[in-house]
Protein backbone atom coordinates (compact mmCIF):
# COMPACT_ATOMS: atom_id res chain seq x y z
CA UNK A 1 21.86 30.41 34.69
CA UNK A 2 18.71 28.28 34.18
CA UNK A 3 18.58 24.72 33.02
CA UNK A 4 17.73 25.81 29.45
CA UNK A 5 21.28 27.16 28.99
CA UNK A 6 22.92 23.80 29.51
CA UNK A 7 24.04 22.62 26.03
CA UNK A 8 23.08 19.07 26.98
CA UNK A 9 19.50 19.99 27.88
CA UNK A 10 16.62 18.58 25.84
CA UNK A 11 15.76 21.72 23.89
CA UNK A 12 19.36 22.42 22.95
CA UNK A 13 20.22 18.83 22.16
CA UNK A 14 17.43 18.66 19.62
CA UNK A 15 17.93 22.11 18.12
CA UNK A 16 19.33 20.79 14.85
CA UNK A 17 16.36 18.49 14.36
CA UNK A 18 13.65 20.62 15.90
CA UNK A 19 11.90 21.25 12.57
CA UNK A 20 11.08 17.58 12.11
CA UNK A 21 10.17 16.85 15.75
CA UNK A 22 7.95 19.86 16.28
CA UNK A 23 6.38 19.67 12.83
CA UNK A 24 5.40 16.05 13.49
CA UNK A 25 3.93 16.91 16.88
CA UNK A 26 1.88 19.78 15.45
CA UNK A 27 0.59 17.73 12.50
CA UNK A 28 -0.47 15.01 14.94
CA UNK A 29 -2.22 17.53 17.16
CA UNK A 30 -4.20 19.03 14.29
CA UNK A 31 -5.25 15.49 13.27
CA UNK A 32 -3.86 15.42 9.74
CA UNK A 33 -5.53 12.54 7.93
CA UNK A 34 -5.63 11.35 4.33
CA UNK A 35 -9.10 11.73 2.77
CA UNK A 36 -8.70 10.92 -0.93
CA UNK A 37 -5.87 10.13 -3.32
CA UNK A 38 -6.02 9.29 -7.03
CA UNK A 39 -4.18 9.61 -10.34
CA UNK A 40 -5.46 11.56 -13.33
CA UNK A 41 -4.21 10.25 -16.69
CA UNK A 42 -5.30 12.90 -19.20
CA UNK A 43 -4.95 14.00 -22.81
CA UNK A 44 -5.27 17.54 -24.13
CA UNK A 45 -7.35 19.59 -23.82
CA UNK A 46 -7.97 19.00 -20.13
CA UNK A 47 -9.30 21.08 -17.26
CA UNK A 48 -10.15 20.42 -13.64
CA UNK A 49 -12.00 22.89 -11.44
CA UNK A 50 -13.07 22.43 -7.83
CA UNK A 51 -15.21 24.69 -5.63
CA UNK A 52 -14.18 25.86 -2.19
CA UNK A 53 -13.14 23.00 0.09
CA UNK A 54 -15.99 23.67 2.50
CA UNK A 55 -18.36 22.49 -0.26
CA UNK A 56 -16.86 19.00 -0.34
CA UNK A 57 -15.08 18.54 3.01
CA UNK A 58 -17.99 16.59 4.50
CA UNK A 59 -18.02 14.27 1.47
CA UNK A 60 -14.36 13.37 1.81
CA UNK A 61 -14.00 13.22 5.58
CA UNK A 62 -17.14 14.07 7.60
CA UNK A 63 -15.25 14.54 10.87
CA UNK A 64 -12.67 16.95 9.44
CA UNK A 65 -12.91 20.68 10.01
CA UNK A 66 -10.99 21.48 6.84
CA UNK A 67 -9.61 19.87 3.67
CA UNK A 68 -6.26 20.67 2.04
CA UNK A 69 -5.77 19.83 -1.64
CA UNK A 70 -2.48 19.24 -3.42
CA UNK A 71 -1.37 18.04 -6.84
CA UNK A 72 1.92 16.60 -8.07
CA UNK A 73 2.52 16.79 -11.81
CA UNK A 74 4.09 13.50 -12.90
CA UNK A 75 4.15 14.02 -16.67
CA UNK A 76 3.43 16.89 -19.06
CA UNK A 77 2.71 20.52 -18.25
CA UNK A 78 -0.30 22.59 -17.28
CA UNK A 79 -1.45 25.75 -15.50
CA UNK A 80 -2.80 26.19 -11.99
CA UNK A 81 -4.82 29.07 -10.54
CA UNK A 82 -7.14 30.26 -7.82
CA UNK A 83 -10.67 30.76 -9.13
CA UNK A 84 -10.84 34.36 -7.95
CA UNK A 85 -7.71 35.25 -9.93
CA UNK A 86 -7.48 33.17 -13.10
CA UNK A 87 -5.26 35.83 -14.66
CA UNK A 88 -2.45 34.90 -12.25
CA UNK A 89 -2.12 31.32 -13.50
CA UNK A 90 1.08 29.49 -12.58
CA UNK A 91 2.86 27.31 -15.17
CA UNK A 92 3.51 23.80 -13.87
CA UNK A 93 6.06 21.31 -15.17
CA UNK A 94 6.70 17.65 -14.41
CA UNK A 95 7.84 17.28 -10.81
CA UNK A 96 6.13 20.48 -9.61
CA UNK A 97 3.86 20.42 -6.55
CA UNK A 98 0.85 22.69 -6.14
CA UNK A 99 -0.83 22.96 -2.71
CA UNK A 100 -4.10 24.76 -1.91
CA UNK A 101 -3.84 24.97 1.90
CA UNK A 102 -6.75 27.26 2.76
CA UNK A 103 -9.59 25.71 0.82
CA UNK A 104 -9.90 28.21 -2.03
CA UNK A 105 -11.72 27.29 -5.25
CA UNK A 106 -9.08 26.50 -7.87
CA UNK A 107 -8.35 24.91 -11.20
CA UNK A 108 -5.79 23.16 -13.38
CA UNK A 109 -5.76 23.13 -17.19
CA UNK A 110 -3.53 22.29 -20.13
CA UNK A 111 -4.10 25.71 -21.72
CA UNK A 112 -4.02 29.03 -19.96
CA UNK A 113 -7.52 30.44 -19.59
CA UNK A 114 -9.29 27.15 -20.36
CA UNK A 115 -12.35 26.77 -18.15
CA UNK A 116 -14.60 23.80 -17.43
CA UNK A 117 -18.20 23.67 -18.61
CA UNK A 118 -19.34 21.30 -15.87
CA UNK A 119 -20.87 22.65 -12.67
CA UNK A 120 -19.77 22.52 -9.05
CA UNK A 121 -22.51 19.93 -8.51
CA UNK A 122 -20.87 17.74 -11.17
CA UNK A 123 -17.52 18.12 -9.42
CA UNK A 124 -19.05 17.09 -6.10
CA UNK A 125 -20.72 14.08 -7.74
CA UNK A 126 -17.34 12.96 -9.04
CA UNK A 127 -15.70 13.29 -5.62
CA UNK A 128 -18.57 11.38 -4.05
CA UNK A 129 -18.00 8.55 -6.52
CA UNK A 130 -14.27 8.53 -5.82
CA UNK A 131 -14.75 8.39 -2.06
CA UNK A 132 -17.31 5.59 -2.30
CA UNK A 133 -14.88 3.49 -4.34
CA UNK A 134 -17.30 3.31 -7.26
CA UNK A 135 -14.79 5.08 -9.49
CA UNK A 136 -11.24 3.76 -10.00
CA UNK A 137 -8.19 5.38 -8.42
CA UNK A 138 -6.78 5.98 -11.93
CA UNK A 139 -9.08 8.32 -13.88
CA UNK A 140 -8.78 8.71 -17.65
CA UNK A 141 -9.82 12.17 -18.84
CA UNK A 142 -9.32 14.79 -21.50
CA UNK A 143 -10.17 15.58 -25.08
CA UNK A 144 -8.18 12.88 -26.83
CA UNK A 145 -5.51 15.23 -28.21
CA UNK A 146 -1.83 14.43 -28.69
CA UNK A 147 -0.65 16.02 -25.43
CA UNK A 148 -0.62 13.88 -22.29
CA UNK A 149 -0.23 14.58 -18.61
CA UNK A 150 -0.44 12.67 -15.34
CA UNK A 151 -1.34 14.31 -12.04
CA UNK A 152 -1.44 12.79 -8.56
CA UNK A 153 -4.30 14.43 -6.64
CA UNK A 154 -4.31 14.34 -2.85
CA UNK A 155 -6.85 15.59 -0.29
CA UNK A 156 -6.28 15.64 3.46
CA UNK A 157 -8.44 16.52 6.42
CA UNK A 158 -7.21 18.47 9.44
CA UNK A 159 -8.28 20.80 12.22
CA UNK A 160 -8.04 24.54 11.71
CA UNK A 161 -9.69 25.60 14.95
CA UNK A 162 -8.77 26.70 17.49
CA UNK A 163 -5.25 26.97 16.01
CA UNK A 164 -3.26 25.33 13.24
CA UNK A 165 0.14 27.04 13.02
CA UNK A 166 1.25 25.01 9.99
CA UNK A 167 -1.65 26.12 7.80
CA UNK A 168 -1.38 29.66 9.12
CA UNK A 169 2.21 29.74 7.85
CA UNK A 170 1.37 28.61 4.30
CA UNK A 171 0.32 30.92 1.44
CA UNK A 172 -3.05 30.54 -0.24
CA UNK A 173 -1.43 28.95 -3.29
CA UNK A 174 1.84 27.13 -2.69
CA UNK A 175 3.92 26.24 -5.75
CA UNK A 176 7.03 24.10 -5.26
CA UNK A 177 8.90 23.87 -8.59
CA UNK A 178 10.85 20.70 -9.27
CA UNK A 179 13.84 22.86 -10.22
CA UNK A 180 13.98 24.26 -6.68
CA UNK A 181 13.82 20.89 -4.94
CA UNK A 182 17.37 19.66 -4.31
CA UNK A 183 16.21 16.50 -2.52
CA UNK A 184 13.96 15.23 -5.30
CA UNK A 185 15.32 11.73 -4.75
CA UNK A 186 13.25 11.41 -1.57
CA UNK A 187 10.01 12.13 -3.38
CA UNK A 188 10.61 9.81 -6.32
CA UNK A 189 10.19 6.48 -4.50
CA UNK A 190 7.02 7.71 -2.78
CA UNK A 191 5.54 8.77 -6.11
CA UNK A 192 6.44 5.48 -7.77
CA UNK A 193 4.93 3.56 -4.86
CA UNK A 194 1.74 5.65 -5.15
CA UNK A 195 1.52 5.07 -8.90
CA UNK A 196 1.92 1.32 -8.43
CA UNK A 197 -0.72 1.17 -5.71
CA UNK A 198 -3.17 3.25 -7.74
CA UNK A 199 -2.82 1.02 -10.79
CA UNK A 200 -2.56 -2.45 -9.22
CA UNK A 201 -5.43 -2.13 -6.72
CA UNK A 202 -4.09 -4.82 -4.42
CA UNK A 203 -5.88 -5.58 -1.13
CA UNK A 204 -5.40 -2.65 1.24
CA UNK A 205 -4.68 -0.23 -1.62
CA UNK A 206 -7.14 2.41 -0.40
CA UNK A 207 -5.59 2.54 3.07
CA UNK A 208 -2.09 2.60 1.59
CA UNK A 209 -2.94 5.45 -0.77
CA UNK A 210 -4.39 7.55 2.04
CA UNK A 211 -1.22 7.11 4.12
CA UNK A 212 0.87 7.97 1.05
CA UNK A 213 -1.16 11.14 0.57
CA UNK A 214 -0.18 12.19 4.09
CA UNK A 215 3.50 11.40 3.49
CA UNK A 216 3.59 13.33 0.23
CA UNK A 217 1.96 16.36 1.85
CA UNK A 218 4.43 16.33 4.74
CA UNK A 219 7.27 16.17 2.22
CA UNK A 220 5.81 19.20 0.45
CA UNK A 221 5.74 21.13 3.75
CA UNK A 222 9.34 20.07 4.42
CA UNK A 223 10.39 21.47 1.07
CA UNK A 224 8.61 24.72 1.72
CA UNK A 225 10.37 24.87 5.09
CA UNK A 226 13.76 24.27 3.44
CA UNK A 227 13.10 27.01 0.88
CA UNK A 228 11.89 29.58 3.42
CA UNK A 229 14.33 32.48 3.92
CA UNK A 230 16.11 32.21 7.26
CA UNK A 231 14.88 35.60 8.51
CA UNK A 232 11.55 35.62 6.71
CA UNK A 233 8.42 35.87 8.86
CA UNK A 234 6.39 32.75 9.54
CA UNK A 235 6.04 29.88 11.99
CA UNK A 236 8.08 27.56 9.75
CA UNK A 237 10.92 30.10 9.62
CA UNK A 238 10.76 30.31 13.40
CA UNK A 239 11.51 26.59 13.60
CA UNK A 240 14.82 27.19 11.83
CA UNK A 241 15.90 30.02 14.12
CA UNK A 242 17.94 28.56 16.98
CA UNK A 243 16.48 30.70 19.78
CA UNK A 244 12.88 30.84 18.57
CA UNK A 245 13.01 27.15 17.68
CA UNK A 246 14.04 26.40 21.27
CA UNK A 247 11.27 28.61 22.59
CA UNK A 248 8.68 26.83 20.45
CA UNK A 249 10.05 23.46 21.48
CA UNK A 250 9.86 24.37 25.19
CA UNK A 251 6.27 25.59 24.91
CA UNK A 252 5.18 22.48 23.01
CA UNK A 253 7.02 20.06 25.28
CA UNK A 254 5.63 21.59 28.47
CA UNK A 255 2.42 23.45 27.61
CA UNK A 256 1.01 23.07 31.13
CA UNK A 257 4.01 24.72 32.79
CA UNK A 258 3.42 28.12 34.38
CA UNK A 259 5.25 29.96 31.65
CA UNK A 260 5.96 33.67 31.78
CA UNK A 261 7.90 35.73 29.29
CA UNK A 262 10.71 36.02 31.83
CA UNK A 263 10.90 32.27 32.41
CA UNK A 264 10.83 31.49 28.67
CA UNK A 265 13.51 34.11 27.96
CA UNK A 266 15.72 32.54 30.62
CA UNK A 267 15.08 29.12 29.06
CA UNK A 268 16.39 30.17 25.64
CA UNK A 269 19.05 32.65 26.73
CA UNK A 270 17.54 35.87 25.43
CA UNK A 271 16.36 39.07 27.06
CA UNK A 272 12.61 39.45 27.46
CA UNK A 273 12.44 42.24 24.88
CA UNK A 274 14.55 40.39 22.31
CA UNK A 275 12.54 37.20 22.71
CA UNK A 276 9.24 39.04 22.39
CA UNK A 277 10.42 40.92 19.31
CA UNK A 278 11.93 37.93 17.49
CA UNK A 279 9.13 35.54 18.43
CA UNK A 280 6.50 37.98 17.15
CA UNK A 281 8.51 38.57 13.97
CA UNK A 282 8.59 34.88 13.11
CA UNK A 283 5.41 33.48 14.61
CA UNK A 284 3.16 36.51 14.23
CA UNK A 285 2.04 36.64 17.86
CA UNK A 286 3.82 37.22 21.22
CA UNK A 287 4.98 34.06 23.05
CA UNK A 288 2.28 33.98 25.70
CA UNK A 289 -0.47 34.57 23.17
CA UNK A 290 0.91 31.73 21.05
CA UNK A 291 0.97 29.48 24.11
CA UNK A 292 -2.66 30.31 24.89
CA UNK A 293 -3.70 29.40 21.35
CA UNK A 294 -1.76 26.16 21.36
CA UNK A 295 -3.18 25.14 24.74
CA UNK A 296 -6.67 25.56 23.30
CA UNK A 297 -5.76 23.42 20.28
CA UNK A 298 -4.52 20.65 22.58
CA UNK A 299 -7.65 20.96 24.69
CA UNK A 300 -9.92 20.85 21.65
CA UNK A 301 -8.27 17.64 20.46
CA UNK A 302 -8.64 16.01 23.88
CA UNK A 303 -12.28 17.05 24.12
CA UNK A 304 -13.00 15.61 20.67
CA UNK A 305 -11.20 12.31 21.18
CA UNK A 306 -11.70 11.37 24.82
CA UNK A 307 -14.39 11.28 27.50
CA UNK A 308 -12.03 12.88 30.03
CA UNK A 309 -13.56 15.46 32.35
CA UNK A 310 -13.28 19.12 31.42
CA UNK A 311 -11.48 19.79 34.71
CA UNK A 312 -8.83 17.21 33.78
CA UNK A 313 -8.37 18.74 30.33
CA UNK A 314 -7.98 22.14 31.97
CA UNK A 315 -5.17 20.83 34.20
CA UNK A 316 -3.46 19.12 31.25
CA UNK A 317 -3.11 22.44 29.43
CA UNK A 318 -2.05 24.51 32.42
CA UNK A 319 -5.25 25.78 34.07
CA UNK A 320 -5.84 25.24 37.78
CA UNK A 321 -9.40 26.52 37.46
CA UNK A 322 -11.98 24.82 35.24
CA UNK A 323 -13.93 28.07 35.14
CA UNK A 324 -10.92 30.05 33.89
CA UNK A 325 -10.20 27.39 31.28
CA UNK A 326 -13.83 27.36 30.11
CA UNK A 327 -13.84 31.14 29.73
CA UNK A 328 -10.59 31.09 27.76
CA UNK A 329 -11.78 28.21 25.57
CA UNK A 330 -15.09 29.89 24.76
CA UNK A 331 -13.35 33.20 24.07
CA UNK A 332 -11.10 31.54 21.49
CA UNK A 333 -13.50 29.03 19.92
CA UNK A 334 -16.90 30.60 20.45
CA UNK A 335 -18.15 27.45 22.22
CA UNK A 336 -18.01 26.12 25.76
CA UNK A 337 -15.86 22.96 26.20
CA UNK A 338 -18.91 20.73 26.68
CA UNK A 339 -20.57 22.11 23.56
CA UNK A 340 -17.37 21.66 21.57
CA UNK A 341 -17.18 18.04 22.69
CA UNK A 342 -20.76 17.32 21.63
CA UNK A 343 -20.30 18.83 18.18
CA UNK A 344 -16.84 17.35 17.57
CA UNK A 345 -17.68 13.84 18.68
CA UNK A 346 -20.98 13.64 16.80
CA UNK A 347 -19.91 12.50 13.34
CA UNK A 348 -23.14 12.85 11.47
CA UNK A 349 -24.26 9.75 9.57
CA UNK A 350 -26.13 11.99 7.17
CA UNK A 351 -23.19 12.04 4.80
CA UNK A 352 -22.94 8.26 4.54
CA UNK A 353 -25.87 7.61 2.23
CA UNK A 354 -24.65 10.43 0.01
CA UNK A 355 -21.35 8.64 -0.38
CA UNK A 356 -23.18 5.64 -1.78
CA UNK A 357 -25.12 7.62 -4.36
CA UNK A 358 -24.53 6.56 -7.93
CA UNK A 359 -21.48 8.35 -9.32
CA UNK A 360 -21.36 9.82 -12.81
CA UNK A 361 -20.47 7.33 -15.51
CA UNK A 362 -17.05 7.22 -17.08
CA UNK A 363 -18.62 8.48 -20.31
CA UNK A 364 -20.04 11.53 -18.56
CA UNK A 365 -16.73 12.22 -16.83
CA UNK A 366 -15.07 12.77 -20.18
CA UNK A 367 -17.93 14.55 -21.85
CA UNK A 368 -17.50 18.21 -20.96
CA UNK A 369 -14.60 20.46 -21.89
CA UNK A 370 -12.19 17.58 -22.09
CA UNK A 371 -12.51 17.44 -18.32
CA UNK A 372 -13.58 15.05 -15.66
CA UNK A 373 -17.32 15.32 -15.32
């Protein structure tokens, strides 16, 4: 049979560790990057509300297509919700992680149903002050009551177009309870390191905190992966399936290869029909459609980062014809490769003066609803 059936081959040899390898490669390809990281030290009553991520993405990381928010409750308890469904608030305890992957408006509060009186403009002014460094990385908030909580707040930029399979696999509101995290010992040292950096403000603290925000997010995704049912649908579940994991690994290792369903099925030791059925069950699309999407993601990254010719990018992702590649790219992204490059590489300086605008004062941050602004 084909080379893919040799137990010593690359795909098979890495099968047990494919989740980590492929997850790292995908996160690198979608340009995951820390944007903001700070600690909230609050007393009751306290509430935090943020608008949709598209309202503040350009403030945090102008070159990012999308911003993911997450929060780790260090001390105390609170509630978390999506703004469109406050009635479905989730109780959070110390050690819980809450991730908002898709940029929805959301909130956190010490009492269920508590809402902020400040506006979205106030929230954006606060974020602008945090990004500029004019506000400290430890923020004291709340109404001065007896209850206390501490929350690590992280924001990361990433690409969502043409294709981000990790985000596509995550729910709109991801809650990872501390009670369901058997490997909590791994997270503890990272959290303690982050707390120390946030409080001490040593040289290089900002850079360190941004890298820590990335590490903590990756750990959250790992935990979601570990908790995902083995046969449940989703790209992350597909990583854990031996055959589909090998198929994904092969496509990602050799995206420019002239793959067909028959060749990929031979690679992983399945029939064409079984591969197509199982791949679609886990990943949500047939193998060749997934490959086409991933090729466009790789091409988009190359076009944004390098001055390489479009024809060279086309060859790198498996197209012999620049014209065919350009048609496929425009069909998936809505823009020709050259246009994509111009837009992606032009990081507008318009956001820079806004970052330097005077932030709200500490007094005003605590003034409304026991909240931040």
